[in-house]
Amino acid sequence: MEFIDLDSQYRLLKDSIHARMQKVLDHGQYIMGPEVGELEERLAAYTGARHCITAASGTEALLIALMAIGIRPGDEVITTPFSFIATAEVIVLLGAVPVYVDIEEDTCNINAFLIEEKISARTRAIIPVSLYGQPADMDEINAIADRHGLVVIEDGAQSFGADYKGRKSCNLSAIGCTSFFPSKPLGCYGDGGAIFTSDDNLARTMREIRVHGQSRRYVHSRVGVGGRMDTLQCAIVLAKLEQFEWEVEQRVSIGKRYNELFGERIGKVRQRPDRTSVFAQYTVMVENRDAVQVFLRELNIPTAVHYPVPIPMQPAYSSSSPAYYPVAQQKAREVMSLPMGPYLPRGSQSRIVEAVLLAAAR
């Protein structure tokens, strides 16, 4: 059993993927070829944002977004302690300071109602993470940002395709970023990412930053990065877009079936009624996680932990007196992600649930 079944998707889309890649090989425009613009147009239309700027990775997308809003050394950026390291990494790379706000017990997303108390005179932005495929409480977060003159950047690396109150993830704030890492709900076959905004000035700035700060060829109007997504990877995402809506529907259906099969017999990440999750991971919470994982491994059922150590407790990010994030620390000890994806067979899903319940009860 695979944790994420990319092979079934490839077999289904093989002809389209090969045709798209061959077209790039034929025209030879491997950097900023026509597929880049085509993908940006289609992704912008999908989210409803005015602009999409593809990037070399989800991490690069976040970095470019922070550079575009002028984050400088000493600035503070509020974010979650419970995410992949890239969320805080980009803040630190710019010399800014990540300020962490603890998470909700049921969703594992940042607790919007704890944000305001962490705002200071140095705060410049908020980066909520749409963890496990479900957006955070974006309306409340945007309202807080508006009151304090802050910019909200949604880290939607795991949530492309999800809805929040009828709006698409990555078009829920001033800037949204996502990742096309192969295991994401919409993935390429390498690294890739995208930035979304409806602000024309921000879009122009981010496009310039992406190409070494060029406003035109060899005129560098600002400091930038080499942050382009290559044409071949854009071609692959274009091929996968053909059935992305169907895959999102399958993910939602399989996630709901997991919920129904588990019932209230085990802790799990909850989905709020005003939003959807694309279940980048389906995550349960078990006290005896190590033992459960060993038991499942013996049955050839793979699992993963997203994430075992909160960011402020990581060696490179800890301080001499780290703050206390009780919910994030508790969830880091309990969360366990199960096989998930649009091609997960119903029989396999039933077997997984039975095994998890048996292991958790031991």
Protein backbone atom coordinates (compact mmCIF):
# COMPACT_ATOMS: atom_id res chain seq x y z
CA MET A 1 0.00 0.00 0.00
CA GLU A 2 1.28 3.45 -0.91
CA PHE A 3 1.02 6.44 1.41
CA ILE A 4 0.30 8.59 -1.66
CA ASP A 5 -0.53 6.83 -4.92
CA LEU A 6 1.05 8.90 -7.70
CA ASP A 7 1.40 5.89 -10.00
CA SER A 8 -2.34 5.47 -10.61
CA GLN A 9 -2.64 9.15 -11.48
CA TYR A 10 0.29 8.93 -13.87
CA ARG A 11 -1.11 5.88 -15.66
CA LEU A 12 -4.42 7.66 -16.15
CA LEU A 13 -2.83 10.90 -17.42
CA LYS A 14 0.21 9.37 -19.12
CA ASP A 15 -0.70 10.32 -22.69
CA SER A 16 -1.56 13.90 -21.79
CA ILE A 17 1.55 14.32 -19.63
CA HIS A 18 3.80 12.96 -22.37
CA ALA A 19 2.15 15.13 -25.02
CA ARG A 20 2.56 18.25 -22.90
CA MET A 21 6.20 17.45 -22.16
CA GLN A 22 6.95 16.62 -25.79
CA LYS A 23 5.57 19.99 -26.84
CA VAL A 24 8.09 21.69 -24.57
CA LEU A 25 10.90 19.51 -25.87
CA ASP A 26 9.90 20.45 -29.41
CA HIS A 27 9.83 24.22 -28.90
CA GLY A 28 12.82 24.20 -26.52
CA GLN A 29 11.77 27.15 -24.33
CA TYR A 30 12.65 25.50 -21.03
CA ILE A 31 12.64 28.74 -19.03
CA MET A 32 9.56 31.02 -19.17
CA GLY A 33 8.12 29.16 -22.15
CA PRO A 34 4.48 29.59 -23.24
CA GLU A 35 3.25 26.94 -20.78
CA VAL A 36 4.23 29.22 -17.90
CA GLY A 37 1.84 31.95 -18.97
CA GLU A 38 -0.86 29.43 -19.85
CA LEU A 39 -0.67 27.84 -16.42
CA GLU A 40 -0.72 31.20 -14.67
CA GLU A 41 -3.85 32.23 -16.54
CA ARG A 42 -5.65 28.99 -15.74
CA LEU A 43 -4.69 28.99 -12.07
CA ALA A 44 -5.73 32.61 -11.64
CA ALA A 45 -9.09 31.84 -13.24
CA TYR A 46 -9.52 28.81 -10.99
CA THR A 47 -8.97 30.76 -7.78
CA GLY A 48 -10.62 33.98 -8.89
CA ALA A 49 -7.48 36.00 -8.18
CA ARG A 50 -6.48 38.61 -10.76
CA HIS A 51 -2.88 37.43 -10.92
CA CYS A 52 -0.93 34.20 -10.59
CA ILE A 53 2.86 34.20 -10.54
CA THR A 54 4.43 30.75 -10.73
CA ALA A 55 7.58 30.15 -8.68
CA ALA A 56 10.35 27.62 -8.29
CA SER A 57 8.78 26.12 -5.16
CA GLY A 58 6.23 26.81 -2.46
CA THR A 59 9.07 28.06 -0.27
CA GLU A 60 10.25 30.46 -2.96
CA ALA A 61 6.68 31.68 -3.36
CA LEU A 62 6.53 32.63 0.33
CA LEU A 63 9.95 34.27 0.18
CA ILE A 64 9.01 36.36 -2.87
CA ALA A 65 5.76 37.40 -1.20
CA LEU A 66 7.57 38.61 1.92
CA MET A 67 10.16 40.45 -0.16
CA ALA A 68 7.38 42.13 -2.14
CA ILE A 69 5.76 43.63 0.95
CA GLY A 70 9.14 44.91 2.13
CA ILE A 71 9.88 42.66 5.10
CA ARG A 72 13.22 43.73 6.59
CA PRO A 73 15.52 42.68 9.43
CA GLY A 74 13.87 43.21 12.80
CA ASP A 75 10.31 43.11 11.47
CA GLU A 76 7.95 40.62 13.09
CA VAL A 77 5.73 38.18 11.21
CA ILE A 78 3.04 36.26 13.08
CA THR A 79 2.59 32.63 12.14
CA THR A 80 1.89 29.16 13.50
CA PRO A 81 4.36 26.98 15.41
CA PHE A 82 2.83 23.88 13.81
CA SER A 83 3.77 23.67 10.15
CA PHE A 84 6.56 22.60 7.82
CA ILE A 85 9.72 24.56 8.54
CA ALA A 86 9.50 26.58 5.31
CA THR A 87 6.81 28.80 6.81
CA ALA A 88 9.23 30.21 9.39
CA GLU A 89 12.35 29.66 7.31
CA VAL A 90 11.51 32.40 4.82
CA ILE A 91 10.90 34.87 7.65
CA VAL A 92 14.27 34.14 9.24
CA LEU A 93 16.09 34.25 5.89
CA LEU A 94 15.06 37.91 5.56
CA GLY A 95 16.30 38.71 9.06
CA ALA A 96 12.77 39.10 10.39
CA VAL A 97 11.42 37.50 13.55
CA PRO A 98 8.71 34.80 13.53
CA VAL A 99 6.20 35.33 16.32
CA TYR A 100 4.24 32.17 16.98
CA VAL A 101 0.59 31.85 17.95
CA ASP A 102 -0.69 28.54 19.29
CA ILE A 103 -3.14 26.39 17.32
CA GLU A 104 -6.73 25.21 17.61
CA GLU A 105 -7.18 21.80 19.18
CA ASP A 106 -9.63 20.51 16.58
CA THR A 107 -8.21 21.83 13.28
CA CYS A 108 -4.52 22.28 14.19
CA ASN A 109 -4.67 25.63 12.37
CA ILE A 110 -3.51 28.87 13.96
CA ASN A 111 -5.93 30.12 16.63
CA ALA A 112 -7.12 33.43 15.21
CA PHE A 113 -8.41 34.59 18.58
CA LEU A 114 -4.90 34.51 20.06
CA ILE A 115 -3.29 36.59 17.32
CA GLU A 116 -4.10 40.12 18.42
CA GLU A 117 -2.29 39.82 21.75
CA LYS A 118 0.95 39.01 19.88
CA ILE A 119 0.87 42.12 17.67
CA SER A 120 3.52 44.74 18.43
CA ALA A 121 4.81 47.93 16.86
CA ARG A 122 7.20 45.79 14.79
CA THR A 123 4.56 43.43 13.37
CA ARG A 124 4.26 43.65 9.60
CA ALA A 125 2.42 40.54 8.42
CA ILE A 126 0.53 37.38 9.35
CA ILE A 127 1.12 34.01 7.68
CA PRO A 128 -1.67 31.55 8.51
CA VAL A 129 -1.12 28.01 7.21
CA SER A 130 -4.02 26.05 5.70
CA LEU A 131 -2.85 22.89 7.41
CA TYR A 132 -3.73 19.40 6.17
CA GLY A 133 -5.73 20.97 3.33
CA GLN A 134 -8.19 23.14 5.30
CA PRO A 135 -8.01 26.96 5.42
CA ALA A 136 -7.69 28.70 8.75
CA ASP A 137 -10.26 31.24 9.98
CA MET A 138 -9.33 33.71 7.26
CA ASP A 139 -12.14 36.24 7.79
CA GLU A 140 -11.15 36.79 11.41
CA ILE A 141 -7.46 36.93 10.51
CA ASN A 142 -8.08 39.45 7.71
CA ALA A 143 -10.18 41.58 10.06
CA ILE A 144 -7.36 41.65 12.62
CA ALA A 145 -4.89 42.56 9.89
CA ASP A 146 -7.10 45.39 8.66
CA ARG A 147 -7.36 46.85 12.17
CA HIS A 148 -3.60 46.93 12.52
CA GLY A 149 -2.47 47.68 8.97
CA LEU A 150 -0.89 44.26 8.39
CA VAL A 151 -0.59 42.08 5.29
CA VAL A 152 -1.96 38.53 5.32
CA ILE A 153 -0.16 35.89 3.28
CA GLU A 154 -1.98 32.55 3.20
CA ASP A 155 0.40 29.61 3.16
CA GLY A 156 -1.82 27.36 1.08
CA ALA A 157 0.86 24.80 0.25
CA GLN A 158 -1.49 22.00 1.32
CA SER A 159 -4.87 23.47 0.44
CA PHE A 160 -5.05 24.35 -3.25
CA GLY A 161 -8.58 23.43 -4.34
CA ALA A 162 -10.20 23.94 -0.92
CA ASP A 163 -13.03 26.42 -0.32
CA TYR A 164 -13.60 28.91 2.49
CA LYS A 165 -17.09 30.41 2.61
CA GLY A 166 -17.45 29.95 -1.12
CA ARG A 167 -14.01 31.35 -2.02
CA LYS A 168 -10.97 29.40 -3.12
CA SER A 169 -7.88 28.92 -0.99
CA CYS A 170 -5.04 31.16 -2.21
CA ASN A 171 -7.56 33.91 -2.96
CA LEU A 172 -8.57 34.56 0.63
CA SER A 173 -6.19 37.40 1.53
CA ALA A 174 -3.86 40.00 0.02
CA ILE A 175 -1.47 37.24 -1.09
CA GLY A 176 -1.83 33.47 -1.27
CA CYS A 177 0.95 30.97 -1.92
CA THR A 178 0.89 27.30 -2.80
CA SER A 179 3.22 24.42 -3.61
CA PHE A 180 3.26 21.91 -6.46
CA PHE A 181 5.57 19.48 -4.67
CA PRO A 182 4.70 16.01 -6.06
CA SER A 183 2.70 14.89 -3.01
CA LYS A 184 0.48 18.00 -2.88
CA PRO A 185 -3.16 17.88 -4.05
CA LEU A 186 -1.99 19.47 -7.32
CA GLY A 187 1.61 18.46 -7.86
CA CYS A 188 4.29 18.45 -10.53
CA TYR A 189 7.22 16.03 -10.86
CA GLY A 190 9.76 18.18 -9.06
CA ASP A 191 9.56 21.50 -7.26
CA GLY A 192 7.14 24.24 -8.17
CA GLY A 193 4.81 26.77 -6.61
CA ALA A 194 2.63 29.79 -7.23
CA ILE A 195 1.67 33.15 -5.76
CA PHE A 196 -1.77 34.73 -6.09
CA THR A 197 -2.91 38.31 -5.64
CA SER A 198 -5.47 40.75 -7.00
CA ASP A 199 -3.21 43.74 -6.31
CA ASP A 200 -1.67 44.92 -9.59
CA ASN A 201 1.31 46.62 -7.93
CA LEU A 202 2.13 43.59 -5.80
CA ALA A 203 1.86 41.33 -8.82
CA ARG A 204 4.29 43.47 -10.81
CA THR A 205 6.72 43.59 -7.89
CA MET A 206 6.60 39.82 -7.40
CA ARG A 207 7.12 39.14 -11.10
CA GLU A 208 10.23 41.33 -11.01
CA ILE A 209 11.58 39.71 -7.83
CA ARG A 210 11.08 36.28 -9.39
CA VAL A 211 13.55 37.11 -12.20
CA HIS A 212 16.40 38.62 -10.17
CA GLY A 213 14.59 41.90 -9.70
CA GLN A 214 14.46 42.74 -13.41
CA SER A 215 11.96 45.33 -14.61
CA ARG A 216 13.26 44.64 -18.14
CA ARG A 217 16.14 42.60 -19.48
CA TYR A 218 19.36 43.43 -17.60
CA VAL A 219 17.73 46.30 -15.75
CA HIS A 220 17.54 45.28 -12.09
CA SER A 221 15.19 47.68 -10.33
CA ARG A 222 15.11 45.77 -7.06
CA VAL A 223 16.83 42.90 -5.26
CA GLY A 224 15.39 39.61 -6.45
CA VAL A 225 15.92 35.87 -6.67
CA GLY A 226 16.08 33.20 -9.32
CA GLY A 227 12.61 32.00 -8.52
CA ARG A 228 11.10 30.82 -11.81
CA MET A 229 9.13 27.60 -12.23
CA ASP A 230 10.51 25.79 -15.25
CA THR A 231 8.41 25.20 -18.34
CA LEU A 232 8.42 21.39 -18.13
CA GLN A 233 6.96 21.45 -14.62
CA CYS A 234 4.28 23.91 -15.74
CA ALA A 235 3.41 21.55 -18.59
CA ILE A 236 2.95 18.69 -16.13
CA VAL A 237 0.63 20.73 -13.92
CA LEU A 238 -1.38 21.75 -16.99
CA ALA A 239 -1.88 18.06 -17.82
CA LYS A 240 -2.95 17.31 -14.25
CA LEU A 241 -5.43 20.17 -14.25
CA GLU A 242 -7.55 18.15 -16.70
CA GLN A 243 -8.96 16.06 -13.88
CA PHE A 244 -8.10 18.16 -10.85
CA GLU A 245 -11.73 18.98 -10.05
CA TRP A 246 -12.57 15.27 -10.07
CA GLU A 247 -9.61 14.56 -7.80
CA VAL A 248 -10.74 17.25 -5.36
CA GLU A 249 -14.22 15.69 -5.28
CA GLN A 250 -12.65 12.28 -4.60
CA ARG A 251 -10.46 13.66 -1.83
CA VAL A 252 -13.45 15.28 -0.14
CA SER A 253 -15.48 12.07 -0.48
CA ILE A 254 -12.70 9.84 0.85
CA GLY A 255 -12.04 12.24 3.72
CA LYS A 256 -15.72 12.20 4.68
CA ARG A 257 -15.75 8.40 4.52
CA TYR A 258 -12.76 8.26 6.85
CA ASN A 259 -14.68 10.50 9.25
CA GLU A 260 -17.72 8.25 9.06
CA LEU A 261 -15.76 5.03 9.51
CA PHE A 262 -13.88 6.37 12.52
CA GLY A 263 -16.91 8.09 14.04
CA GLU A 264 -16.08 9.26 17.54
CA ARG A 265 -13.90 6.26 18.30
CA ILE A 266 -10.66 8.15 17.74
CA GLY A 267 -9.45 11.73 17.74
CA LYS A 268 -9.03 13.35 14.35
CA VAL A 269 -8.56 16.72 12.71
CA ARG A 270 -12.00 18.29 12.34
CA GLN A 271 -13.39 20.11 9.32
CA ARG A 272 -15.33 23.27 9.99
CA PRO A 273 -18.77 23.54 8.30
CA ASP A 274 -17.98 26.84 6.52
CA ARG A 275 -15.00 25.44 4.60
CA THR A 276 -13.74 22.35 2.83
CA SER A 277 -10.53 20.40 3.07
CA VAL A 278 -8.71 18.80 0.16
CA PHE A 279 -7.10 16.43 2.66
CA ALA A 280 -3.49 16.86 1.69
CA GLN A 281 -3.21 14.56 4.69
CA TYR A 282 -5.86 12.69 6.61
CA THR A 283 -4.73 13.03 10.20
CA VAL A 284 -5.83 11.30 13.38
CA MET A 285 -4.66 11.81 16.96
CA VAL A 286 -3.50 8.89 19.08
CA GLU A 287 -1.80 8.89 22.46
CA ASN A 288 0.25 5.74 21.82
CA ARG A 289 1.41 6.86 18.39
CA ASP A 290 4.76 5.05 18.26
CA ALA A 291 3.16 1.73 19.12
CA VAL A 292 0.35 2.30 16.65
CA GLN A 293 2.80 3.07 13.86
CA VAL A 294 4.78 -0.09 14.58
CA PHE A 295 1.62 -2.18 14.52
CA LEU A 296 0.48 -0.63 11.21
CA ARG A 297 3.92 -1.06 9.68
CA GLU A 298 3.73 -4.78 10.39
CA LEU A 299 0.50 -4.81 8.34
CA ASN A 300 2.20 -2.88 5.52
CA ILE A 301 0.10 0.22 6.19
CA PRO A 302 2.30 3.32 5.88
CA THR A 303 1.88 6.35 8.12
CA ALA A 304 3.60 9.73 8.54
CA VAL A 305 3.78 12.43 11.20
CA HIS A 306 3.11 16.02 10.14
CA TYR A 307 4.75 17.41 12.33
CA PRO A 308 6.67 15.75 15.19
CA VAL A 309 8.48 18.87 16.49
CA PRO A 310 6.93 22.36 16.61
CA ILE A 311 9.01 24.95 14.78
CA PRO A 312 10.10 26.92 17.89
CA MET A 313 11.50 23.69 19.35
CA GLN A 314 13.64 22.94 16.29
CA PRO A 315 17.39 23.31 16.99
CA ALA A 316 17.92 26.08 14.45
CA TYR A 317 14.86 28.04 15.61
CA SER A 318 14.83 27.64 19.38
CA SER A 319 15.89 30.41 21.74
CA SER A 320 17.47 30.18 25.18
CA SER A 321 14.02 30.44 26.76
CA PRO A 322 11.49 29.17 24.21
CA ALA A 323 7.88 30.14 24.66
CA TYR A 324 5.28 27.57 25.56
CA TYR A 325 2.78 26.43 22.93
CA PRO A 326 0.77 23.79 24.78
CA VAL A 327 -1.64 22.78 22.04
CA ALA A 328 1.02 22.58 19.33
CA GLN A 329 3.28 20.57 21.62
CA GLN A 330 0.48 18.17 22.50
CA LYS A 331 -0.55 17.66 18.87
CA ALA A 332 3.06 17.07 17.85
CA ARG A 333 3.01 14.05 20.17
CA GLU A 334 -0.33 12.73 18.87
CA VAL A 335 -0.87 13.44 15.16
CA MET A 336 -0.50 10.65 12.64
CA SER A 337 -1.37 10.87 8.95
CA LEU A 338 -2.85 7.92 7.06
CA PRO A 339 -2.79 6.93 3.37
CA MET A 340 -4.85 9.47 1.46
CA GLY A 341 -5.51 10.42 -2.13
CA PRO A 342 -8.13 10.36 -4.87
CA TYR A 343 -7.18 6.82 -5.91
CA LEU A 344 -7.39 5.16 -2.49
CA PRO A 345 -9.59 2.02 -2.88
CA ARG A 346 -12.56 1.69 -0.53
CA GLY A 347 -11.37 -1.74 0.58
CA SER A 348 -7.97 -0.37 1.52
CA GLN A 349 -9.58 2.48 3.41
CA SER A 350 -11.75 0.10 5.44
CA ARG A 351 -8.70 -2.03 6.22
CA ILE A 352 -6.75 1.04 7.38
CA VAL A 353 -9.52 2.16 9.72
CA GLU A 354 -9.95 -1.29 11.25
CA ALA A 355 -6.21 -1.58 11.84
CA VAL A 356 -5.90 1.90 13.38
CA LEU A 357 -8.79 1.30 15.77
CA LEU A 358 -7.36 -2.06 16.77
CA ALA A 359 -3.88 -0.62 17.31
CA ALA A 360 -5.13 2.41 19.25
CA ALA A 361 -7.09 0.16 21.63
CA ARG A 362 -4.10 -2.05 22.48
